[in-house]
PDB file of N, CA and C in Angstrom:
ATOM      1  N   MET A   1       0.834  56.639  84.817  1.00  0.00           N
ATOM      2  CA  MET A   1       1.292  57.721  85.598  1.00  0.00           C
ATOM      3  C   MET A   1       1.154  59.093  84.935  1.00  0.00           C
ATOM      4  N   THR A   2       0.355  60.151  85.368  1.00  0.00           N
ATOM      5  CA  THR A   2       0.104  61.427  84.556  1.00  0.00           C
ATOM      6  C   THR A   2       1.206  62.435  85.026  1.00  0.00           C
ATOM      7  N   LEU A   3       1.259  63.197  84.225  1.00  0.00           N
ATOM      8  CA  LEU A   3       2.523  64.175  84.226  1.00  0.00           C
ATOM      9  C   LEU A   3       2.275  65.124  85.622  1.00  0.00           C
ATOM     10  N   GLU A   4       1.007  65.028  85.959  1.00  0.00           N
ATOM     11  CA  GLU A   4       0.846  65.875  87.376  1.00  0.00           C
ATOM     12  C   GLU A   4       1.432  64.882  88.420  1.00  0.00           C
ATOM     13  N   SER A   5       1.146  63.738  88.604  1.00  0.00           N
ATOM     14  CA  SER A   5       1.647  62.956  89.755  1.00  0.00           C
ATOM     15  C   SER A   5       2.972  62.893  89.431  1.00  0.00           C
ATOM     16  N   LYS A   6       3.710  62.543  88.263  1.00  0.00           N
ATOM     17  CA  LYS A   6       5.106  62.713  88.206  1.00  0.00           C
ATOM     18  C   LYS A   6       5.624  64.010  88.728  1.00  0.00           C
ATOM     19  N   ALA A   7       4.969  64.938  88.359  1.00  0.00           N
ATOM     20  CA  ALA A   7       5.788  66.368  88.907  1.00  0.00           C
ATOM     21  C   ALA A   7       5.782  66.410  90.641  1.00  0.00           C
ATOM     22  N   GLN A   8       4.639  65.832  90.854  1.00  0.00           N
ATOM     23  CA  GLN A   8       4.274  65.962  92.429  1.00  0.00           C
ATOM     24  C   GLN A   8       5.272  65.085  93.077  1.00  0.00           C
ATOM     25  N   ILE A   9       5.532  63.878  92.685  1.00  0.00           N
ATOM     26  CA  ILE A   9       6.394  63.135  93.221  1.00  0.00           C
ATOM     27  C   ILE A   9       7.900  63.509  92.958  1.00  0.00           C
ATOM     28  N   SER A  10       8.150  63.812  92.030  1.00  0.00           N
ATOM     29  CA  SER A  10       9.883  64.636  91.818  1.00  0.00           C
ATOM     30  C   SER A  10       9.778  65.957  92.499  1.00  0.00           C
ATOM     31  N   GLY A  11       8.676  66.748  92.811  1.00  0.00           N
ATOM     32  CA  GLY A  11       8.832  67.832  93.528  1.00  0.00           C
ATOM     33  C   GLY A  11       9.107  67.631  95.047  1.00  0.00           C
ATOM     34  N   LEU A  12       8.488  66.456  95.591  1.00  0.00           N
ATOM     35  CA  LEU A  12       8.654  66.058  96.851  1.00  0.00           C
ATOM     36  C   LEU A  12       9.855  65.459  97.032  1.00  0.00           C
ATOM     37  N   ILE A  13      10.542  64.747  96.026  1.00  0.00           N
ATOM     38  CA  ILE A  13      11.798  64.127  96.348  1.00  0.00           C
ATOM     39  C   ILE A  13      12.818  65.476  96.225  1.00  0.00           C
ATOM     40  N   THR A  14      12.624  66.285  95.490  1.00  0.00           N
ATOM     41  CA  THR A  14      13.366  67.627  95.286  1.00  0.00           C
ATOM     42  C   THR A  14      13.429  68.203  96.681  1.00  0.00           C
ATOM     43  N   ARG A  15      12.305  68.607  97.165  1.00  0.00           N
ATOM     44  CA  ARG A  15      12.140  69.103  98.452  1.00  0.00           C
ATOM     45  C   ARG A  15      12.693  68.581  99.552  1.00  0.00           C
ATOM     46  N   ILE A  16      12.622  67.216  99.765  1.00  0.00           N
ATOM     47  CA  ILE A  16      13.130  66.523 100.741  1.00  0.00           C
ATOM     48  C   ILE A  16      14.682  66.345 100.607  1.00  0.00           C
ATOM     49  N   SER A  17      15.284  66.134  99.235  1.00  0.00           N
ATOM     50  CA  SER A  17      16.779  66.066  99.018  1.00  0.00           C
ATOM     51  C   SER A  17      17.340  67.455  99.392  1.00  0.00           C
ATOM     52  N   PHE A  18      16.591  68.439  99.057  1.00  0.00           N
ATOM     53  CA  PHE A  18      17.253  70.004  99.229  1.00  0.00           C
ATOM     54  C   PHE A  18      17.615  70.240 100.561  1.00  0.00           C
ATOM     55  N   LEU A  19      16.382  69.980 101.371  1.00  0.00           N
ATOM     56  CA  LEU A  19      16.438  70.196 102.747  1.00  0.00           C
ATOM     57  C   LEU A  19      17.491  69.478 103.434  1.00  0.00           C
ATOM     58  N   SER A  20      17.407  68.046 103.080  1.00  0.00           N
ATOM     59  CA  SER A  20      18.451  67.327 103.614  1.00  0.00           C
ATOM     60  C   SER A  20      19.882  67.590 103.484  1.00  0.00           C
ATOM     61  N   LEU A  21      20.315  68.186 102.118  1.00  0.00           N
ATOM     62  CA  LEU A  21      21.287  68.687 101.563  1.00  0.00           C
ATOM     63  C   LEU A  21      21.943  70.064 102.651  1.00  0.00           C
ATOM     64  N   LEU A  22      21.041  70.766 102.636  1.00  0.00           N
ATOM     65  CA  LEU A  22      21.141  71.819 103.530  1.00  0.00           C
ATOM     66  C   LEU A  22      21.423  71.570 105.179  1.00  0.00           C
ATOM     67  N   ALA A  23      20.873  70.558 105.666  1.00  0.00           N
ATOM     68  CA  ALA A  23      21.149  70.084 106.786  1.00  0.00           C
ATOM     69  C   ALA A  23      22.571  69.312 107.000  1.00  0.00           C
ATOM     70  N   PHE A  24      22.817  68.697 105.685  1.00  0.00           N
ATOM     71  CA  PHE A  24      24.082  67.835 105.910  1.00  0.00           C
ATOM     72  C   PHE A  24      25.072  68.690 105.929  1.00  0.00           C
ATOM     73  N   TYR A  25      25.063  70.094 105.085  1.00  0.00           N
ATOM     74  CA  TYR A  25      26.034  70.902 104.960  1.00  0.00           C
ATOM     75  C   TYR A  25      26.349  71.646 106.412  1.00  0.00           C
ATOM     76  N   THR A  26      25.052  71.839 107.213  1.00  0.00           N
ATOM     77  CA  THR A  26      25.227  72.503 108.365  1.00  0.00           C
ATOM     78  C   THR A  26      26.081  71.532 109.352  1.00  0.00           C
ATOM     79  N   LEU A  27      25.686  70.303 109.347  1.00  0.00           N
ATOM     80  CA  LEU A  27      26.319  69.327 110.113  1.00  0.00           C
ATOM     81  C   LEU A  27      27.866  69.197 109.797  1.00  0.00           C
ATOM     82  N   ARG A  28      27.936  68.926 108.538  1.00  0.00           N
ATOM     83  CA  ARG A  28      29.349  68.699 107.915  1.00  0.00           C
ATOM     84  C   ARG A  28      30.326  69.827 108.515  1.00  0.00           C
ATOM     85  N   PHE A  29      29.898  71.238 108.053  1.00  0.00           N
ATOM     86  CA  PHE A  29      30.822  72.181 108.250  1.00  0.00           C
ATOM     87  C   PHE A  29      30.944  72.744 109.732  1.00  0.00           C
ATOM     88  N   LEU A  30      29.953  72.461 110.405  1.00  0.00           N
ATOM     89  CA  LEU A  30      29.919  72.966 111.714  1.00  0.00           C
ATOM     90  C   LEU A  30      30.193  72.018 113.027  1.00  0.00           C
ATOM     91  N   TRP A  31      29.905  70.868 112.741  1.00  0.00           N
ATOM     92  CA  TRP A  31      29.950  69.750 113.732  1.00  0.00           C
ATOM     93  C   TRP A  31      30.854  68.535 113.290  1.00  0.00           C
ATOM     94  N   LEU A  32      30.551  67.903 112.214  1.00  0.00           N
ATOM     95  CA  LEU A  32      31.382  66.527 111.827  1.00  0.00           C
ATOM     96  C   LEU A  32      32.863  66.846 111.273  1.00  0.00           C
ATOM     97  N   ALA A  33      32.846  67.862 110.491  1.00  0.00           N
ATOM     98  CA  ALA A  33      34.256  68.066 109.849  1.00  0.00           C
ATOM     99  C   ALA A  33      34.521  69.572 109.601  1.00  0.00           C
ATOM    100  N   PRO A  34      34.620  70.097 110.842  1.00  0.00           N
ATOM    101  CA  PRO A  34      34.626  71.707 110.369  1.00  0.00           C
ATOM    102  C   PRO A  34      36.228  71.893 109.788  1.00  0.00           C
ATOM    103  N   ALA A  35      36.087  73.173 109.147  1.00  0.00           N
ATOM    104  CA  ALA A  35      37.418  73.425 108.632  1.00  0.00           C
ATOM    105  C   ALA A  35      38.489  73.708 109.548  1.00  0.00           C
ATOM    106  N   THR A  36      39.701  73.702 109.448  1.00  0.00           N
ATOM    107  CA  THR A  36      40.630  73.850 110.368  1.00  0.00           C
ATOM    108  C   THR A  36      41.102  75.279 110.741  1.00  0.00           C
ATOM    109  N   SER A  37      40.535  76.144 109.971  1.00  0.00           N
ATOM    110  CA  SER A  37      40.581  77.569 110.146  1.00  0.00           C
ATOM    111  C   SER A  37      39.919  78.129 111.321  1.00  0.00           C
ATOM    112  N   ASP A  38      40.104  79.272 111.765  1.00  0.00           N
ATOM    113  CA  ASP A  38      39.414  79.907 113.055  1.00  0.00           C
ATOM    114  C   ASP A  38      37.827  80.180 112.736  1.00  0.00           C
ATOM    115  N   HIS A  39      37.250  80.129 111.723  1.00  0.00           N
ATOM    116  CA  HIS A  39      36.097  80.682 111.358  1.00  0.00           C
ATOM    117  C   HIS A  39      35.666  79.327 110.410  1.00  0.00           C
ATOM    118  N   PRO A  40      35.096  78.469 110.778  1.00  0.00           N
ATOM    119  CA  PRO A  40      34.489  77.274 109.982  1.00  0.00           C
ATOM    120  C   PRO A  40      32.949  77.799 109.300  1.00  0.00           C
ATOM    121  N   TRP A  41      32.260  78.696 110.141  1.00  0.00           N
ATOM    122  CA  TRP A  41      31.277  79.176 109.651  1.00  0.00           C
ATOM    123  C   TRP A  41      31.490  79.971 108.335  1.00  0.00           C
ATOM    124  N   VAL A  42      32.455  80.230 107.666  1.00  0.00           N
ATOM    125  CA  VAL A  42      32.799  81.233 106.866  1.00  0.00           C
ATOM    126  C   VAL A  42      32.523  80.170 105.434  1.00  0.00           C
ATOM    127  N   ILE A  43      33.109  78.946 105.541  1.00  0.00           N
ATOM    128  CA  ILE A  43      33.035  77.870 104.624  1.00  0.00           C
ATOM    129  C   ILE A  43      31.527  77.403 104.550  1.00  0.00           C
ATOM    130  N   TRP A  44      30.901  77.258 105.610  1.00  0.00           N
ATOM    131  CA  TRP A  44      29.547  76.721 105.683  1.00  0.00           C
ATOM    132  C   TRP A  44      28.791  77.983 104.969  1.00  0.00           C
ATOM    133  N   LEU A  45      28.808  79.180 104.905  1.00  0.00           N
ATOM    134  CA  LEU A  45      28.409  80.274 104.443  1.00  0.00           C
ATOM    135  C   LEU A  45      28.494  80.295 102.924  1.00  0.00           C
ATOM    136  N   VAL A  46      29.747  80.050 102.271  1.00  0.00           N
ATOM    137  CA  VAL A  46      30.283  79.868 101.156  1.00  0.00           C
ATOM    138  C   VAL A  46      29.225  78.777 100.403  1.00  0.00           C
ATOM    139  N   TYR A  47      29.128  77.690 101.325  1.00  0.00           N
ATOM    140  CA  TYR A  47      28.264  76.539 100.515  1.00  0.00           C
ATOM    141  C   TYR A  47      26.919  76.948 100.528  1.00  0.00           C
ATOM    142  N   MET A  48      26.547  77.413 101.495  1.00  0.00           N
ATOM    143  CA  MET A  48      24.902  77.658 101.970  1.00  0.00           C
ATOM    144  C   MET A  48      24.257  78.931 101.139  1.00  0.00           C
ATOM    145  N   ILE A  49      25.075  80.036 100.907  1.00  0.00           N
ATOM    146  CA  ILE A  49      24.436  81.152 100.388  1.00  0.00           C
ATOM    147  C   ILE A  49      23.891  80.737  98.878  1.00  0.00           C
ATOM    148  N   PRO A  50      24.473  80.054  97.876  1.00  0.00           N
ATOM    149  CA  PRO A  50      23.982  79.879  96.617  1.00  0.00           C
ATOM    150  C   PRO A  50      22.716  79.013  96.823  1.00  0.00           C
ATOM    151  N   LEU A  51      22.745  78.070  97.744  1.00  0.00           N
ATOM    152  CA  LEU A  51      21.675  77.288  97.924  1.00  0.00           C
ATOM    153  C   LEU A  51      20.421  78.003  98.449  1.00  0.00           C
ATOM    154  N   ILE A  52      20.646  78.618  99.563  1.00  0.00           N
ATOM    155  CA  ILE A  52      19.436  79.285 100.296  1.00  0.00           C
ATOM    156  C   ILE A  52      18.993  80.351  99.191  1.00  0.00           C
ATOM    157  N   GLY A  53      19.625  80.734  98.131  1.00  0.00           N
ATOM    158  CA  GLY A  53      18.855  81.617  97.076  1.00  0.00           C
ATOM    159  C   GLY A  53      17.955  80.893  96.274  1.00  0.00           C
ATOM    160  N   PHE A  54      17.989  79.543  96.158  1.00  0.00           N
ATOM    161  CA  PHE A  54      17.047  78.695  95.370  1.00  0.00           C
ATOM    162  C   PHE A  54      15.939  78.300  96.556  1.00  0.00           C
ATOM    163  N   THR A  55      15.939  78.554  97.630  1.00  0.00           N
ATOM    164  CA  THR A  55      14.880  78.125  98.561  1.00  0.00           C
ATOM    165  C   THR A  55      13.665  78.371  98.197  1.00  0.00           C
ATOM    166  N   PRO A  56      13.279  79.659  97.876  1.00  0.00           N
ATOM    167  CA  PRO A  56      12.025  80.091  97.612  1.00  0.00           C
ATOM    168  C   PRO A  56      11.493  79.525  96.276  1.00  0.00           C
ATOM    169  N   ALA A  57      12.179  79.335  95.364  1.00  0.00           N
ATOM    170  CA  ALA A  57      11.614  78.647  94.281  1.00  0.00           C
ATOM    171  C   ALA A  57      11.451  77.102  94.380  1.00  0.00           C
ATOM    172  N   VAL A  58      12.417  76.584  95.250  1.00  0.00           N
ATOM    173  CA  VAL A  58      12.150  75.113  95.286  1.00  0.00           C
ATOM    174  C   VAL A  58      10.864  74.746  96.162  1.00  0.00           C
ATOM    175  N   LEU A  59      10.671  75.696  97.133  1.00  0.00           N
ATOM    176  CA  LEU A  59       9.679  75.359  98.032  1.00  0.00           C
ATOM    177  C   LEU A  59       8.164  75.908  97.309  1.00  0.00           C
ATOM    178  N   SER A  60       8.293  76.600  96.238  1.00  0.00           N
ATOM    179  CA  SER A  60       7.043  77.281  95.725  1.00  0.00           C
ATOM    180  C   SER A  60       6.729  76.240  94.536  1.00  0.00           C
ATOM    181  N   GLY A  61       7.638  75.675  94.023  1.00  0.00           N
ATOM    182  CA  GLY A  61       7.395  74.748  92.798  1.00  0.00           C
ATOM    183  C   GLY A  61       7.533  75.519  91.423  1.00  0.00           C
ATOM    184  N   LYS A  62       8.372  76.424  91.570  1.00  0.00           N
ATOM    185  CA  LYS A  62       8.377  76.904  89.976  1.00  0.00           C
ATOM    186  C   LYS A  62       9.461  76.245  89.119  1.00  0.00           C
ATOM    187  N   PRO A  63       9.082  75.735  87.783  1.00  0.00           N
ATOM    188  CA  PRO A  63      10.173  74.619  87.334  1.00  0.00           C
ATOM    189  C   PRO A  63      11.440  75.252  86.764  1.00  0.00           C
ATOM    190  N   ARG A  64      11.340  76.804  86.206  1.00  0.00           N
ATOM    191  CA  ARG A  64      12.547  76.985  85.559  1.00  0.00           C
ATOM    192  C   ARG A  64      13.719  77.233  86.691  1.00  0.00           C
ATOM    193  N   PRO A  65      13.580  77.615  87.929  1.00  0.00           N
ATOM    194  CA  PRO A  65      14.665  77.740  88.944  1.00  0.00           C
ATOM    195  C   PRO A  65      15.053  76.390  89.197  1.00  0.00           C
ATOM    196  N   HIS A  66      14.322  75.222  88.989  1.00  0.00           N
ATOM    197  CA  HIS A  66      14.850  74.167  89.450  1.00  0.00           C
ATOM    198  C   HIS A  66      15.795  73.593  88.113  1.00  0.00           C
ATOM    199  N   ALA A  67      15.603  74.004  87.071  1.00  0.00           N
ATOM    200  CA  ALA A  67      16.678  73.729  86.061  1.00  0.00           C
ATOM    201  C   ALA A  67      17.888  74.552  86.288  1.00  0.00           C
ATOM    202  N   TRP A  68      17.814  75.652  86.691  1.00  0.00           N
ATOM    203  CA  TRP A  68      18.951  76.490  86.953  1.00  0.00           C
ATOM    204  C   TRP A  68      19.666  75.582  88.113  1.00  0.00           C
ATOM    205  N   LEU A  69      18.871  75.249  89.247  1.00  0.00           N
ATOM    206  CA  LEU A  69      19.665  74.511  90.473  1.00  0.00           C
ATOM    207  C   LEU A  69      20.489  73.437  89.876  1.00  0.00           C
ATOM    208  N   CYS A  70      19.879  72.802  88.885  1.00  0.00           N
ATOM    209  CA  CYS A  70      20.917  71.785  88.429  1.00  0.00           C
ATOM    210  C   CYS A  70      22.220  71.954  88.058  1.00  0.00           C
ATOM    211  N   PHE A  71      22.118  73.246  87.348  1.00  0.00           N
ATOM    212  CA  PHE A  71      23.573  73.766  86.859  1.00  0.00           C
ATOM    213  C   PHE A  71      24.426  74.036  87.956  1.00  0.00           C
ATOM    214  N   VAL A  72      23.761  74.708  89.038  1.00  0.00           N
ATOM    215  CA  VAL A  72      24.574  75.065  90.132  1.00  0.00           C
ATOM    216  C   VAL A  72      25.123  73.691  90.962  1.00  0.00           C
ATOM    217  N   LEU A  73      24.301  72.778  90.929  1.00  0.00           N
ATOM    218  CA  LEU A  73      24.475  71.433  91.641  1.00  0.00           C
ATOM    219  C   LEU A  73      25.772  70.808  91.129  1.00  0.00           C
ATOM    220  N   LEU A  74      26.021  70.954  89.730  1.00  0.00           N
ATOM    221  CA  LEU A  74      27.198  70.411  89.135  1.00  0.00           C
ATOM    222  C   LEU A  74      28.476  70.891  89.772  1.00  0.00           C
ATOM    223  N   ILE A  75      28.367  72.059  90.051  1.00  0.00           N
ATOM    224  CA  ILE A  75      29.638  72.561  91.004  1.00  0.00           C
ATOM    225  C   ILE A  75      29.784  72.100  92.136  1.00  0.00           C
ATOM    226  N   TYR A  76      28.682  71.761  92.920  1.00  0.00           N
ATOM    227  CA  TYR A  76      28.904  71.140  94.031  1.00  0.00           C
ATOM    228  C   TYR A  76      29.262  69.726  94.002  1.00  0.00           C
ATOM    229  N   PHE A  77      28.716  69.089  92.967  1.00  0.00           N
ATOM    230  CA  PHE A  77      29.446  67.630  92.702  1.00  0.00           C
ATOM    231  C   PHE A  77      30.533  67.464  92.618  1.00  0.00           C
ATOM    232  N   LEU A  78      31.185  68.386  91.902  1.00  0.00           N
ATOM    233  CA  LEU A  78      32.730  68.499  91.571  1.00  0.00           C
ATOM    234  C   LEU A  78      33.338  68.308  93.037  1.00  0.00           C
ATOM    235  N   GLY A  79      32.913  69.214  93.974  1.00  0.00           N
ATOM    236  CA  GLY A  79      33.707  69.328  95.218  1.00  0.00           C
ATOM    237  C   GLY A  79      33.337  68.086  96.100  1.00  0.00           C
ATOM    238  N   ALA A  80      32.314  67.368  95.964  1.00  0.00           N
ATOM    239  CA  ALA A  80      31.868  66.139  96.596  1.00  0.00           C
ATOM    240  C   ALA A  80      32.761  65.102  95.973  1.00  0.00           C
ATOM    241  N   VAL A  81      32.887  65.164  94.940  1.00  0.00           N
ATOM    242  CA  VAL A  81      33.746  63.956  94.328  1.00  0.00           C
ATOM    243  C   VAL A  81      35.341  64.069  94.699  1.00  0.00           C
ATOM    244  N   MET A  82      35.699  65.420  94.931  1.00  0.00           N
ATOM    245  CA  MET A  82      37.071  65.627  95.449  1.00  0.00           C
ATOM    246  C   MET A  82      37.044  65.303  96.915  1.00  0.00           C
ATOM    247  N   THR A  83      36.069  65.570  97.704  1.00  0.00           N
ATOM    248  CA  THR A  83      35.916  65.102  99.094  1.00  0.00           C
ATOM    249  C   THR A  83      36.052  63.609  99.191  1.00  0.00           C
ATOM    250  N   ALA A  84      35.339  62.787  98.352  1.00  0.00           N
ATOM    251  CA  ALA A  84      35.198  61.474  98.597  1.00  0.00           C
ATOM    252  C   ALA A  84      36.556  60.774  98.171  1.00  0.00           C
ATOM    253  N   ILE A  85      37.521  61.418  97.605  1.00  0.00           N
ATOM    254  CA  ILE A  85      38.656  60.648  97.338  1.00  0.00           C
ATOM    255  C   ILE A  85      39.779  61.048  98.319  1.00  0.00           C
ATOM    256  N   GLN A  86      39.333  61.876  99.477  1.00  0.00           N
ATOM    257  CA  GLN A  86      40.281  62.102 100.547  1.00  0.00           C
ATOM    258  C   GLN A  86      40.003  60.973 101.559  1.00  0.00           C
ATOM    259  N   PRO A  87      41.115  60.093 102.116  1.00  0.00           N
ATOM    260  CA  PRO A  87      40.428  59.207 102.788  1.00  0.00           C
ATOM    261  C   PRO A  87      39.891  59.639 104.209  1.00  0.00           C
ATOM    262  N   GLN A  88      40.363  60.630 104.691  1.00  0.00           N
ATOM    263  CA  GLN A  88      39.674  60.925 106.140  1.00  0.00           C
ATOM    264  C   GLN A  88      38.254  61.529 105.991  1.00  0.00           C
ATOM    265  N   LEU A  89      37.907  61.864 104.833  1.00  0.00           N
ATOM    266  CA  LEU A  89      36.550  62.438 104.494  1.00  0.00           C
ATOM    267  C   LEU A  89      35.884  61.728 103.574  1.00  0.00           C
ATOM    268  N   ALA A  90      36.125  60.304 103.350  1.00  0.00           N
ATOM    269  CA  ALA A  90      35.574  59.846 102.161  1.00  0.00           C
ATOM    270  C   ALA A  90      34.113  59.502 102.316  1.00  0.00           C
ATOM    271  N   THR A  91      33.761  59.043 103.583  1.00  0.00           N
ATOM    272  CA  THR A  91      32.360  58.733 103.725  1.00  0.00           C
ATOM    273  C   THR A  91      31.460  60.084 103.656  1.00  0.00           C
ATOM    274  N   LEU A  92      31.870  61.170 104.140  1.00  0.00           N
ATOM    275  CA  LEU A  92      31.081  62.525 104.081  1.00  0.00           C
ATOM    276  C   LEU A  92      30.999  62.809 102.550  1.00  0.00           C
ATOM    277  N   GLY A  93      31.814  62.560 101.988  1.00  0.00           N
ATOM    278  CA  GLY A  93      31.989  62.781 100.312  1.00  0.00           C
ATOM    279  C   GLY A  93      31.049  61.957  99.750  1.00  0.00           C
ATOM    280  N   TRP A  94      30.994  60.679  99.926  1.00  0.00           N
ATOM    281  CA  TRP A  94      29.988  59.870  99.193  1.00  0.00           C
ATOM    282  C   TRP A  94      28.511  60.076  99.669  1.00  0.00           C
ATOM    283  N   ILE A  95      28.263  60.625 100.811  1.00  0.00           N
ATOM    284  CA  ILE A  95      27.155  60.833 101.370  1.00  0.00           C
ATOM    285  C   ILE A  95      26.723  62.150 100.582  1.00  0.00           C
ATOM    286  N   GLU A  96      27.472  63.183 100.420  1.00  0.00           N
ATOM    287  CA  GLU A  96      27.305  64.627  99.829  1.00  0.00           C
ATOM    288  C   GLU A  96      27.033  64.090  98.379  1.00  0.00           C
ATOM    289  N   SER A  97      27.748  63.221  97.636  1.00  0.00           N
ATOM    290  CA  SER A  97      27.593  62.646  96.345  1.00  0.00           C
ATOM    291  C   SER A  97      26.129  62.203  96.160  1.00  0.00           C
ATOM    292  N   LEU A  98      25.813  61.335  96.920  1.00  0.00           N
ATOM    293  CA  LEU A  98      24.419  60.722  96.735  1.00  0.00           C
ATOM    294  C   LEU A  98      23.424  61.778  96.858  1.00  0.00           C
ATOM    295  N   LEU A  99      23.650  62.622  97.975  1.00  0.00           N
ATOM    296  CA  LEU A  99      22.454  63.460  98.135  1.00  0.00           C
ATOM    297  C   LEU A  99      22.439  64.588  96.961  1.00  0.00           C
ATOM    298  N   LEU A 100      23.348  64.766  96.320  1.00  0.00           N
ATOM    299  CA  LEU A 100      23.427  65.671  95.209  1.00  0.00           C
ATOM    300  C   LEU A 100      23.034  65.090  93.876  1.00  0.00           C
ATOM    301  N   VAL A 101      23.058  63.709  93.821  1.00  0.00           N
ATOM    302  CA  VAL A 101      22.592  63.014  92.513  1.00  0.00           C
ATOM    303  C   VAL A 101      21.158  63.173  92.745  1.00  0.00           C
ATOM    304  N   VAL A 102      20.603  62.881  93.829  1.00  0.00           N
ATOM    305  CA  VAL A 102      19.104  62.588  94.090  1.00  0.00           C
ATOM    306  C   VAL A 102      18.516  63.898  93.909  1.00  0.00           C
ATOM    307  N   LEU A 103      19.028  64.861  94.394  1.00  0.00           N
ATOM    308  CA  LEU A 103      18.670  66.351  94.189  1.00  0.00           C
ATOM    309  C   LEU A 103      18.788  66.823  92.616  1.00  0.00           C
ATOM    310  N   PHE A 104      19.823  66.333  92.215  1.00  0.00           N
ATOM    311  CA  PHE A 104      19.842  66.764  90.669  1.00  0.00           C
ATOM    312  C   PHE A 104      18.715  66.144  89.721  1.00  0.00           C
ATOM    313  N   ASN A 105      18.541  64.904  90.094  1.00  0.00           N
ATOM    314  CA  ASN A 105      17.536  64.056  89.349  1.00  0.00           C
ATOM    315  C   ASN A 105      16.184  64.396  89.619  1.00  0.00           C
ATOM    316  N   GLY A 106      15.845  64.695  90.878  1.00  0.00           N
ATOM    317  CA  GLY A 106      14.466  65.040  91.097  1.00  0.00           C
ATOM    318  C   GLY A 106      14.236  66.571  90.547  1.00  0.00           C
ATOM    319  N   ALA A 107      15.207  67.432  90.720  1.00  0.00           N
ATOM    320  CA  ALA A 107      14.943  68.999  90.264  1.00  0.00           C
ATOM    321  C   ALA A 107      14.825  68.625  88.675  1.00  0.00           C
ATOM    322  N   MET A 108      15.895  67.954  88.173  1.00  0.00           N
ATOM    323  CA  MET A 108      15.814  67.957  86.483  1.00  0.00           C
ATOM    324  C   MET A 108      14.521  67.248  86.076  1.00  0.00           C
ATOM    325  N   LEU A 109      13.939  66.147  86.682  1.00  0.00           N
ATOM    326  CA  LEU A 109      12.803  65.552  86.412  1.00  0.00           C
ATOM    327  C   LEU A 109      11.352  66.394  86.723  1.00  0.00           C
ATOM    328  N   TYR A 110      11.615  67.206  87.767  1.00  0.00           N
ATOM    329  CA  TYR A 110      10.508  68.047  88.113  1.00  0.00           C
ATOM    330  C   TYR A 110      10.208  69.247  87.284  1.00  0.00           C
ATOM    331  N   ALA A 111      11.526  69.760  86.771  1.00  0.00           N
ATOM    332  CA  ALA A 111      11.310  70.876  85.795  1.00  0.00           C
ATOM    333  C   ALA A 111      10.889  70.422  84.474  1.00  0.00           C
ATOM    334  N   ARG A 112      11.268  69.382  84.166  1.00  0.00           N
ATOM    335  CA  ARG A 112      10.789  68.876  82.837  1.00  0.00           C
ATOM    336  C   ARG A 112       9.096  68.525  83.023  1.00  0.00           C
ATOM    337  N   TRP A 113       8.932  67.701  83.869  1.00  0.00           N
ATOM    338  CA  TRP A 113       7.392  67.279  83.908  1.00  0.00           C
ATOM    339  C   TRP A 113       6.492  68.542  84.508  1.00  0.00           C
ATOM    340  N   GLN A 114       6.974  69.189  85.289  1.00  0.00           N
ATOM    341  CA  GLN A 114       6.129  70.448  85.728  1.00  0.00           C
ATOM    342  C   GLN A 114       5.883  71.405  84.479  1.00  0.00           C
ATOM    343  N   SER A 115       6.744  71.662  83.704  1.00  0.00           N
ATOM    344  CA  SER A 115       6.957  72.503  82.558  1.00  0.00           C
ATOM    345  C   SER A 115       5.980  71.725  81.455  1.00  0.00           C
ATOM    346  N   GLN A 116       6.083  70.731  81.358  1.00  0.00           N
ATOM    347  CA  GLN A 116       5.101  70.055  80.521  1.00  0.00           C
ATOM    348  C   GLN A 116       3.613  69.945  80.911  1.00  0.00           C
ATOM    349  N   TRP A 117       3.481  69.691  82.203  1.00  0.00           N
ATOM    350  CA  TRP A 117       2.152  69.623  82.762  1.00  0.00           C
ATOM    351  C   TRP A 117       1.621  71.123  82.566  1.00  0.00           C
ATOM    352  N   LEU A 118       2.127  71.981  82.902  1.00  0.00           N
ATOM    353  CA  LEU A 118       1.684  73.405  82.906  1.00  0.00           C
ATOM    354  C   LEU A 118       1.445  73.863  81.337  1.00  0.00           C
ATOM    355  N   ARG A 119       2.355  73.498  80.254  1.00  0.00           N
ATOM    356  CA  ARG A 119       1.908  73.602  79.109  1.00  0.00           C
ATOM    357  C   ARG A 119       0.635  73.207  78.608  1.00  0.00           C
ATOM    358  N   SER A 120       0.394  71.874  79.047  1.00  0.00           N
ATOM    359  CA  SER A 120      -0.807  71.242  78.551  1.00  0.00           C
ATOM    360  C   SER A 120      -1.673  71.761  79.120  1.00  0.00           C
ATOM    361  N   GLN A 121      -1.626  72.268  80.502  1.00  0.00           N
ATOM    362  CA  GLN A 121      -2.995  73.067  81.142  1.00  0.00           C
ATOM    363  C   GLN A 121      -3.304  74.215  80.225  1.00  0.00           C
ATOM    364  N   ARG A 122      -2.367  74.889  79.689  1.00  0.00           N
ATOM    365  CA  ARG A 122      -2.538  75.948  79.031  1.00  0.00           C
ATOM    366  C   ARG A 122      -3.398  75.835  77.596  1.00  0.00           C
ATOM    367  N   HIS A 123      -3.042  74.618  77.017  1.00  0.00           N
ATOM    368  CA  HIS A 123      -3.502  74.340  75.895  1.00  0.00           C
ATOM    369  C   HIS A 123      -4.933  73.843  75.815  1.00  0.00           C
ATOM    370  N   ASP A 124      -5.136  73.285  77.142  1.00  0.00           N
ATOM    371  CA  ASP A 124      -6.745  72.548  77.443  1.00  0.00           C
ATOM    372  C   ASP A 124      -7.785  73.622  77.568  1.00  0.00           C
TER     373      ASP A 124
END
């Protein structure tokens, strides 16, 4: 398998899992388990705004922002694990953790393989 095909597959996995995570957060915070406060959309915005900032880079396929996305996802993963240990939210926490692990690995591999492929194209 070539670097280009590896990058394409990991890029597709990244885009699908990224959009799935955005959809999951929307469902979770606005419908499935909204915050008990009067404004659950505020919690939803706190989760979504940093991710939405990465949307253009993820959709355009630039490798460097994918690496930065991985760093940001670590913070989200900590929150997902904390959610998973709460009995009433355990299922949502595990789903969130799984989505984050898939996204992290896809973005990490994409950043690596796409940058290697672009570097090899410059040298040819």
